[in-house]
């Protein structure tokens, strides 16, 4: 049960970081609309690249780690239920 809560907390933290990154990129995209932006990526893509890929990478790693902990917890619960 403890691993489930830890996994859920890590997963939610990753979702929050991901959401904040997208919100920051959308606000910055409005600023870029008045200035120059890279035509290959579009306004939002340029804003996302300039904000940085580090927050997105951290969010993805947190999400995967949280899912891993929750899967581990489910496997342990099944093992305990069957008596292995």
Protein backbone atom coordinates (compact mmCIF):
# COMPACT_ATOMS: atom_id res chain seq x y z
CA UNK A 1 0.00 0.00 0.00
CA UNK A 2 2.87 2.33 0.80
CA UNK A 3 4.41 1.85 -2.65
CA UNK A 4 1.08 2.71 -4.23
CA UNK A 5 0.91 6.01 -2.37
CA UNK A 6 4.53 6.82 -3.18
CA UNK A 7 3.96 5.98 -6.84
CA UNK A 8 0.80 8.06 -6.95
CA UNK A 9 2.55 11.04 -5.34
CA UNK A 10 5.45 10.83 -7.80
CA UNK A 11 3.06 10.48 -10.75
CA UNK A 12 0.99 13.48 -9.66
CA UNK A 13 4.19 15.52 -9.16
CA UNK A 14 5.20 14.73 -12.72
CA UNK A 15 1.78 15.74 -14.01
CA UNK A 16 1.99 19.04 -12.14
CA UNK A 17 5.46 19.79 -13.52
CA UNK A 18 4.24 18.92 -17.03
CA UNK A 19 1.19 21.15 -16.67
CA UNK A 20 3.20 24.09 -15.36
CA UNK A 21 5.63 23.73 -18.27
CA UNK A 22 2.80 23.81 -20.79
CA UNK A 23 1.22 26.82 -19.09
CA UNK A 24 4.55 28.68 -19.08
CA UNK A 25 5.08 27.85 -22.76
CA UNK A 26 1.61 29.08 -23.69
CA UNK A 27 2.13 32.38 -21.85
CA UNK A 28 5.53 32.82 -23.49
CA UNK A 29 4.03 31.97 -26.89
CA UNK A 30 1.87 35.07 -26.60
CA UNK A 31 5.03 37.14 -26.17
CA UNK A 32 6.66 35.42 -29.14
CA UNK A 33 3.68 36.23 -31.35
CA UNK A 34 4.74 39.88 -31.30
CA UNK A 35 8.44 39.11 -31.84
CA UNK A 36 10.28 36.60 -33.96
CA UNK A 37 9.82 32.83 -33.72
CA UNK A 38 11.13 29.82 -35.60
CA UNK A 39 8.87 28.88 -38.51
CA UNK A 40 9.91 25.22 -38.38
CA UNK A 41 8.41 24.68 -34.92
CA UNK A 42 5.63 27.24 -34.85
CA UNK A 43 4.97 29.70 -32.07
CA UNK A 44 4.18 27.14 -29.38
CA UNK A 45 7.03 24.82 -30.37
CA UNK A 46 9.51 27.69 -30.25
CA UNK A 47 8.24 28.73 -26.83
CA UNK A 48 8.52 25.15 -25.59
CA UNK A 49 12.08 24.83 -26.87
CA UNK A 50 13.11 28.15 -25.31
CA UNK A 51 11.56 27.29 -21.94
CA UNK A 52 13.64 24.15 -22.04
CA UNK A 53 13.26 20.46 -22.43
CA UNK A 54 14.57 19.81 -18.92
CA UNK A 55 11.18 20.32 -17.19
CA UNK A 56 9.50 18.04 -19.73
CA UNK A 57 12.19 15.41 -19.24
CA UNK A 58 11.81 15.60 -15.46
CA UNK A 59 8.03 15.30 -15.79
CA UNK A 60 8.31 12.23 -18.02
CA UNK A 61 10.83 10.57 -15.70
CA UNK A 62 8.59 11.26 -12.68
CA UNK A 63 5.56 9.87 -14.51
CA UNK A 64 7.35 6.67 -15.52
CA UNK A 65 8.79 6.23 -12.02
CA UNK A 66 5.35 6.70 -10.45
CA UNK A 67 3.79 4.15 -12.78
CA UNK A 68 6.64 1.73 -12.01
CA UNK A 69 6.01 2.00 -8.26
CA UNK A 70 2.28 1.45 -8.72
CA UNK A 71 2.85 -1.63 -10.90
CA UNK A 72 5.32 -2.98 -8.34
CA UNK A 73 2.70 -2.51 -5.62
CA UNK A 74 0.03 -4.35 -7.62
CA UNK A 75 2.41 -7.25 -8.27
CA UNK A 76 3.27 -7.46 -4.58
CA UNK A 77 -0.42 -7.40 -3.63
CA UNK A 78 -1.17 -10.23 -6.07
CA UNK A 79 1.75 -12.24 -4.71
CA UNK A 80 0.49 -11.78 -1.13
CA UNK A 81 -3.07 -12.70 -2.13
CA UNK A 82 -2.03 -15.97 -3.76
CA UNK A 83 0.32 -16.88 -0.93
CA UNK A 84 3.53 -17.03 -2.94
